[in-house]
Structures are given as structure tokens and as C-alpha cells.
Amino acid sequence: MFALRRVFTLALVSVACASQLNVRQATNTNAAINSAVDTLDETLHHVGPTILTLMANQTASDTTIGQQMTALETAFNKTTATLTGIAVSAGSTTVKPTNDDISITYSDVMALTATSLSGIIAQGKVPGFPAMVATLDPIMAKTTLQLNVTSPASLVLVHRMMLDASQFFVAEKFTQTLAALGF
């Protein structure tokens, strides 16, 4: 009986130490994650204003908006692939880029996407837009979920920062992206 207690205690201590060792051995890959998210953000700072200009100039069409949607698809797919190749980050709340820095930049990506695409359906000049959304939505959702895998819990802040802008995703029917963001 005494030997059984020792074995049980040894097993319990081993499991506790091993799980903490795994956490200690994880590395902070925030710099690589931040680079991928920054690249996506830069793309959105070009594509978003282009879409808004097309709508303002009354030149939005299946062709012109379709080209921009393809650029978004490519950028989000590239980001997903990049994030998939990065080890899960132990993260940091003090070393730059911090976990919050990454989440804030990704929130900017989501807000730029949501606001840039808002109004396309209401304008009525892009009849193929719902099909474009049906293609882009799962791609954006996949990127969002992969970010949360590579940078654990990063979507908590993104969700909070998207509370207002999420209405545009609702209006444009980005259901999978909304689900990935926790809405």
C-alpha cells in the first residue's frame, strides 16, 4: 500500500513537472506572427481605399470589385499559410511586439475589411458581390482561426475591438468570419 502511494505521488509530480516544462520550452514567435499580420494590414491599406474610391466614383462593378476581392483572397490565403508555418507563440505582454500589438493590428485588418466592403450591396452595382463574399468569408475565417492557434487567445481583444464594426460583417453576410471572431 505504501509503495502504491509513492508510485502515485511520483506519477502525479512527473505529470505536473512535464506540463510546466512544455510551457517553459515554448518560444516567443510574436515577431514572425506580427510580420505576417503587418503584411496583411499593409495590403488592406491599399485594397480598402481602392474599393471605397470605386464606390465613390460610381465605378464599382463585378469586374472592378472582383479584382479587389481576389487581392483580398490572395492576401488572406498567404497570411494563413505563413501563420501555419510559425510555431505556436508563448507570447509576451512586455517584449515588443506584444500579444496586444498583434491583436490590435489584426483588429485593424478586420475593421478595414468590414468598413471597405460596407455599402456595396446597398449601392446595387455589383450583383456578383454575394458570390464574392461566399468565397472570401471562409478564407477570412480560416486566417482568423489560424491566428488564434499561432497566437493563443489573440482573438479576445480582436473580438472586443470589433464590437461596433462587426455590424458591417453582419450586413454583408460574413457569417463564418463572424463565428471565428466569436459573434
C-alpha atoms as a PDB file:
ATOM      1  CA  MET A   1       0.000   0.000   0.000  1.00  0.00           C
ATOM      2  CA  PHE A   2       2.827   2.384   0.913  1.00  0.00           C
ATOM      3  CA  ALA A   3       4.610   1.595  -2.378  1.00  0.00           C
ATOM      4  CA  LEU A   4       1.422   2.325  -4.323  1.00  0.00           C
ATOM      5  CA  ARG A   5       1.207   5.777  -2.737  1.00  0.00           C
ATOM      6  CA  ARG A   6       4.816   6.508  -3.694  1.00  0.00           C
ATOM      7  CA  VAL A   7       4.216   5.442  -7.289  1.00  0.00           C
ATOM      8  CA  PHE A   8       1.049   7.531  -7.467  1.00  0.00           C
ATOM      9  CA  THR A   9       2.822  10.575  -5.977  1.00  0.00           C
ATOM     10  CA  LEU A  10       5.768  10.152  -8.353  1.00  0.00           C
ATOM     11  CA  ALA A  11       3.412   9.905 -11.330  1.00  0.00           C
ATOM     12  CA  LEU A  12       1.496  12.986 -10.229  1.00  0.00           C
ATOM     13  CA  VAL A  13       4.667  15.045  -9.739  1.00  0.00           C
ATOM     14  CA  SER A  14       6.026  13.870 -13.107  1.00  0.00           C
ATOM     15  CA  VAL A  15       2.899  14.981 -14.944  1.00  0.00           C
ATOM     16  CA  ALA A  16       2.881  18.350 -13.187  1.00  0.00           C
ATOM     17  CA  CYS A  17       6.544  18.986 -13.960  1.00  0.00           C
ATOM     18  CA  ALA A  18       6.263  17.818 -17.554  1.00  0.00           C
ATOM     19  CA  SER A  19       3.354  20.115 -18.346  1.00  0.00           C
ATOM     20  CA  GLN A  20       5.175  23.113 -16.869  1.00  0.00           C
ATOM     21  CA  LEU A  21       8.334  22.171 -18.757  1.00  0.00           C
ATOM     22  CA  ASN A  22       6.367  22.295 -22.016  1.00  0.00           C
ATOM     23  CA  VAL A  23       5.197  25.833 -21.244  1.00  0.00           C
ATOM     24  CA  ARG A  24       8.711  26.940 -20.321  1.00  0.00           C
ATOM     25  CA  GLN A  25      10.104  25.491 -23.548  1.00  0.00           C
ATOM     26  CA  ALA A  26       7.633  27.310 -25.818  1.00  0.00           C
ATOM     27  CA  THR A  27       9.216  30.216 -27.642  1.00  0.00           C
ATOM     28  CA  ASN A  28       8.001  33.720 -28.271  1.00  0.00           C
ATOM     29  CA  THR A  29       7.318  33.794 -32.026  1.00  0.00           C
ATOM     30  CA  ASN A  30       5.443  37.100 -31.855  1.00  0.00           C
ATOM     31  CA  ALA A  31       7.904  38.840 -34.214  1.00  0.00           C
ATOM     32  CA  ALA A  32       7.157  36.360 -37.003  1.00  0.00           C
ATOM     33  CA  ILE A  33       3.412  36.485 -36.321  1.00  0.00           C
ATOM     34  CA  ASN A  34       3.479  40.282 -36.272  1.00  0.00           C
ATOM     35  CA  SER A  35       5.315  40.360 -39.603  1.00  0.00           C
ATOM     36  CA  ALA A  36       2.618  38.215 -41.239  1.00  0.00           C
ATOM     37  CA  VAL A  37      -0.218  40.293 -39.782  1.00  0.00           C
ATOM     38  CA  ASP A  38       1.547  43.569 -40.703  1.00  0.00           C
ATOM     39  CA  THR A  39       1.857  42.427 -44.321  1.00  0.00           C
ATOM     40  CA  LEU A  40      -1.869  41.689 -44.413  1.00  0.00           C
ATOM     41  CA  ASP A  41      -2.600  45.078 -42.827  1.00  0.00           C
ATOM     42  CA  GLU A  42      -0.497  46.837 -45.484  1.00  0.00           C
ATOM     43  CA  THR A  43      -2.488  45.088 -48.215  1.00  0.00           C
ATOM     44  CA  LEU A  44      -5.743  46.231 -46.607  1.00  0.00           C
ATOM     45  CA  HIS A  45      -4.455  49.809 -46.509  1.00  0.00           C
ATOM     46  CA  HIS A  46      -4.228  49.635 -50.325  1.00  0.00           C
ATOM     47  CA  VAL A  47      -7.228  47.497 -51.232  1.00  0.00           C
ATOM     48  CA  GLY A  48      -9.669  49.135 -48.811  1.00  0.00           C
ATOM     49  CA  PRO A  49      -9.253  52.693 -50.134  1.00  0.00           C
ATOM     50  CA  THR A  50      -9.360  51.373 -53.704  1.00  0.00           C
ATOM     51  CA  ILE A  51     -12.753  49.770 -53.034  1.00  0.00           C
ATOM     52  CA  LEU A  52     -14.029  52.956 -51.393  1.00  0.00           C
ATOM     53  CA  THR A  53     -12.798  55.021 -54.356  1.00  0.00           C
ATOM     54  CA  LEU A  54     -14.540  52.690 -56.812  1.00  0.00           C
ATOM     55  CA  MET A  55     -17.789  53.130 -54.909  1.00  0.00           C
ATOM     56  CA  ALA A  56     -17.376  56.916 -54.576  1.00  0.00           C
ATOM     57  CA  ASN A  57     -16.630  57.292 -58.294  1.00  0.00           C
ATOM     58  CA  GLN A  58     -19.612  55.086 -59.204  1.00  0.00           C
ATOM     59  CA  THR A  59     -17.250  52.670 -60.992  1.00  0.00           C
ATOM     60  CA  ALA A  60     -17.893  49.681 -58.732  1.00  0.00           C
ATOM     61  CA  SER A  61     -18.802  46.635 -60.804  1.00  0.00           C
ATOM     62  CA  ASP A  62     -18.393  42.886 -60.725  1.00  0.00           C
ATOM     63  CA  THR A  63     -15.097  43.342 -62.573  1.00  0.00           C
ATOM     64  CA  THR A  64     -13.588  46.183 -60.543  1.00  0.00           C
ATOM     65  CA  ILE A  65     -14.706  44.934 -57.141  1.00  0.00           C
ATOM     66  CA  GLY A  66     -13.953  41.359 -58.204  1.00  0.00           C
ATOM     67  CA  GLN A  67     -10.301  42.286 -58.766  1.00  0.00           C
ATOM     68  CA  GLN A  68     -10.070  43.756 -55.278  1.00  0.00           C
ATOM     69  CA  MET A  69     -11.804  40.749 -53.725  1.00  0.00           C
ATOM     70  CA  THR A  70      -9.272  38.492 -55.464  1.00  0.00           C
ATOM     71  CA  ALA A  71      -6.476  40.600 -53.960  1.00  0.00           C
ATOM     72  CA  LEU A  72      -8.064  40.140 -50.522  1.00  0.00           C
ATOM     73  CA  GLU A  73      -8.402  36.382 -51.029  1.00  0.00           C
ATOM     74  CA  THR A  74      -4.738  36.142 -52.030  1.00  0.00           C
ATOM     75  CA  ALA A  75      -3.583  38.230 -49.056  1.00  0.00           C
ATOM     76  CA  PHE A  76      -5.629  36.278 -46.507  1.00  0.00           C
ATOM     77  CA  ASN A  77      -4.556  32.913 -48.000  1.00  0.00           C
ATOM     78  CA  LYS A  78      -0.895  33.976 -47.881  1.00  0.00           C
ATOM     79  CA  THR A  79      -1.275  35.067 -44.265  1.00  0.00           C
ATOM     80  CA  THR A  80      -2.890  31.752 -43.329  1.00  0.00           C
ATOM     81  CA  ALA A  81      -0.035  29.841 -44.966  1.00  0.00           C
ATOM     82  CA  THR A  82       2.562  31.994 -43.214  1.00  0.00           C
ATOM     83  CA  LEU A  83       0.892  31.663 -39.808  1.00  0.00           C
ATOM     84  CA  THR A  84       0.586  27.895 -40.265  1.00  0.00           C
ATOM     85  CA  GLY A  85       4.366  27.710 -40.693  1.00  0.00           C
ATOM     86  CA  ILE A  86       5.080  29.598 -37.459  1.00  0.00           C
ATOM     87  CA  ALA A  87       5.390  27.746 -34.157  1.00  0.00           C
ATOM     88  CA  VAL A  88       2.777  28.481 -31.515  1.00  0.00           C
ATOM     89  CA  SER A  89       3.956  31.509 -29.579  1.00  0.00           C
ATOM     90  CA  ALA A  90       4.483  31.632 -25.844  1.00  0.00           C
ATOM     91  CA  GLY A  91       3.742  35.309 -26.356  1.00  0.00           C
ATOM     92  CA  SER A  92       4.671  38.273 -24.250  1.00  0.00           C
ATOM     93  CA  THR A  93       2.998  41.158 -22.529  1.00  0.00           C
ATOM     94  CA  THR A  94       6.230  43.124 -22.190  1.00  0.00           C
ATOM     95  CA  VAL A  95       8.548  42.352 -25.130  1.00  0.00           C
ATOM     96  CA  LYS A  96       7.636  44.096 -28.405  1.00  0.00           C
ATOM     97  CA  PRO A  97       5.674  43.074 -30.370  1.00  0.00           C
ATOM     98  CA  THR A  98       3.357  42.125 -27.539  1.00  0.00           C
ATOM     99  CA  ASN A  99       0.319  39.898 -27.824  1.00  0.00           C
ATOM    100  CA  ASP A 100      -1.842  43.036 -27.763  1.00  0.00           C
ATOM    101  CA  ASP A 101       0.182  44.655 -30.571  1.00  0.00           C
ATOM    102  CA  ILE A 102      -0.658  41.710 -32.825  1.00  0.00           C
ATOM    103  CA  SER A 103      -4.320  41.718 -31.833  1.00  0.00           C
ATOM    104  CA  ILE A 104      -4.631  45.458 -32.430  1.00  0.00           C
ATOM    105  CA  THR A 105      -3.132  45.156 -35.905  1.00  0.00           C
ATOM    106  CA  TYR A 106      -5.419  42.234 -36.749  1.00  0.00           C
ATOM    107  CA  SER A 107      -8.378  44.246 -35.463  1.00  0.00           C
ATOM    108  CA  ASP A 108      -7.360  46.968 -37.892  1.00  0.00           C
ATOM    109  CA  VAL A 109      -7.359  44.380 -40.697  1.00  0.00           C
ATOM    110  CA  MET A 110     -10.858  43.251 -39.768  1.00  0.00           C
ATOM    111  CA  ALA A 111     -12.198  46.796 -39.372  1.00  0.00           C
ATOM    112  CA  LEU A 112     -10.702  47.930 -42.689  1.00  0.00           C
ATOM    113  CA  THR A 113     -12.199  44.921 -44.443  1.00  0.00           C
ATOM    114  CA  ALA A 114     -15.613  45.399 -42.863  1.00  0.00           C
ATOM    115  CA  THR A 115     -15.846  49.125 -43.500  1.00  0.00           C
ATOM    116  CA  SER A 116     -14.371  48.974 -47.011  1.00  0.00           C
ATOM    117  CA  LEU A 117     -16.947  46.421 -48.119  1.00  0.00           C
ATOM    118  CA  SER A 118     -19.880  48.044 -46.356  1.00  0.00           C
ATOM    119  CA  GLY A 119     -22.355  49.583 -48.720  1.00  0.00           C
ATOM    120  CA  ILE A 120     -21.551  47.509 -51.786  1.00  0.00           C
ATOM    121  CA  ILE A 121     -24.838  45.617 -51.570  1.00  0.00           C
ATOM    122  CA  ALA A 122     -26.779  48.823 -50.865  1.00  0.00           C
ATOM    123  CA  GLN A 123     -25.200  50.535 -53.864  1.00  0.00           C
ATOM    124  CA  GLY A 124     -26.618  47.781 -56.092  1.00  0.00           C
ATOM    125  CA  LYS A 125     -23.901  47.953 -58.755  1.00  0.00           C
ATOM    126  CA  VAL A 126     -22.174  44.645 -58.002  1.00  0.00           C
ATOM    127  CA  PRO A 127     -24.707  41.841 -58.476  1.00  0.00           C
ATOM    128  CA  GLY A 128     -21.988  39.205 -58.060  1.00  0.00           C
ATOM    129  CA  PHE A 129     -20.930  40.510 -54.644  1.00  0.00           C
ATOM    130  CA  PRO A 130     -22.780  37.847 -52.614  1.00  0.00           C
ATOM    131  CA  ALA A 131     -20.859  35.147 -54.517  1.00  0.00           C
ATOM    132  CA  MET A 132     -17.609  37.019 -53.875  1.00  0.00           C
ATOM    133  CA  VAL A 133     -18.428  37.150 -50.159  1.00  0.00           C
ATOM    134  CA  ALA A 134     -19.211  33.419 -50.214  1.00  0.00           C
ATOM    135  CA  THR A 135     -15.655  32.853 -51.479  1.00  0.00           C
ATOM    136  CA  LEU A 136     -13.843  35.355 -49.233  1.00  0.00           C
ATOM    137  CA  ASP A 137     -15.729  34.616 -45.999  1.00  0.00           C
ATOM    138  CA  PRO A 138     -14.325  31.111 -45.315  1.00  0.00           C
ATOM    139  CA  ILE A 139     -10.836  32.301 -46.285  1.00  0.00           C
ATOM    140  CA  MET A 140     -11.001  35.141 -43.747  1.00  0.00           C
ATOM    141  CA  ALA A 141     -12.437  32.808 -41.115  1.00  0.00           C
ATOM    142  CA  LYS A 142      -9.580  30.356 -41.680  1.00  0.00           C
ATOM    143  CA  THR A 143      -6.982  33.113 -41.282  1.00  0.00           C
ATOM    144  CA  THR A 144      -8.697  34.348 -38.133  1.00  0.00           C
ATOM    145  CA  LEU A 145      -8.790  30.889 -36.579  1.00  0.00           C
ATOM    146  CA  GLN A 146      -5.163  30.204 -37.547  1.00  0.00           C
ATOM    147  CA  LEU A 147      -4.081  33.443 -35.874  1.00  0.00           C
ATOM    148  CA  ASN A 148      -5.747  32.238 -32.690  1.00  0.00           C
ATOM    149  CA  VAL A 149      -3.854  28.928 -32.935  1.00  0.00           C
ATOM    150  CA  THR A 150      -0.462  30.529 -33.577  1.00  0.00           C
ATOM    151  CA  SER A 151      -1.032  33.339 -31.081  1.00  0.00           C
ATOM    152  CA  PRO A 152      -3.298  31.751 -28.447  1.00  0.00           C
ATOM    153  CA  ALA A 153      -6.148  33.899 -27.118  1.00  0.00           C
ATOM    154  CA  SER A 154      -5.362  36.706 -29.569  1.00  0.00           C
ATOM    155  CA  LEU A 155      -8.994  36.895 -30.654  1.00  0.00           C
ATOM    156  CA  VAL A 156     -10.192  38.007 -27.219  1.00  0.00           C
ATOM    157  CA  LEU A 157      -9.007  41.568 -27.847  1.00  0.00           C
ATOM    158  CA  VAL A 158      -9.915  41.419 -31.554  1.00  0.00           C
ATOM    159  CA  HIS A 159     -13.488  40.491 -30.605  1.00  0.00           C
ATOM    160  CA  ARG A 160     -13.741  43.428 -28.218  1.00  0.00           C
ATOM    161  CA  MET A 161     -12.316  45.844 -30.745  1.00  0.00           C
ATOM    162  CA  MET A 162     -14.757  44.613 -33.412  1.00  0.00           C
ATOM    163  CA  LEU A 163     -17.909  45.048 -31.325  1.00  0.00           C
ATOM    164  CA  ASP A 164     -19.003  48.070 -33.362  1.00  0.00           C
ATOM    165  CA  ALA A 165     -17.520  47.226 -36.777  1.00  0.00           C
ATOM    166  CA  SER A 166     -18.941  43.691 -36.723  1.00  0.00           C
ATOM    167  CA  GLN A 167     -22.267  45.180 -37.868  1.00  0.00           C
ATOM    168  CA  PHE A 168     -20.764  45.593 -41.345  1.00  0.00           C
ATOM    169  CA  PHE A 169     -19.853  41.898 -41.492  1.00  0.00           C
ATOM    170  CA  VAL A 170     -23.427  41.124 -40.430  1.00  0.00           C
ATOM    171  CA  ALA A 171     -24.858  43.323 -43.205  1.00  0.00           C
ATOM    172  CA  GLU A 172     -22.591  41.811 -45.856  1.00  0.00           C
ATOM    173  CA  LYS A 173     -23.252  38.220 -44.640  1.00  0.00           C
ATOM    174  CA  PHE A 174     -19.741  37.257 -43.484  1.00  0.00           C
ATOM    175  CA  THR A 175     -21.173  34.527 -41.247  1.00  0.00           C
ATOM    176  CA  GLN A 176     -18.071  32.329 -40.940  1.00  0.00           C
ATOM    177  CA  THR A 177     -15.813  35.277 -40.170  1.00  0.00           C
ATOM    178  CA  LEU A 178     -18.264  36.470 -37.536  1.00  0.00           C
ATOM    179  CA  ALA A 179     -18.294  32.998 -35.976  1.00  0.00           C
ATOM    180  CA  ALA A 180     -14.474  32.870 -35.980  1.00  0.00           C
ATOM    181  CA  LEU A 181     -14.431  36.241 -34.213  1.00  0.00           C
ATOM    182  CA  GLY A 182     -16.869  34.960 -31.595  1.00  0.00           C
ATOM    183  CA  PHE A 183     -20.038  36.753 -32.739  1.00  0.00           C
END
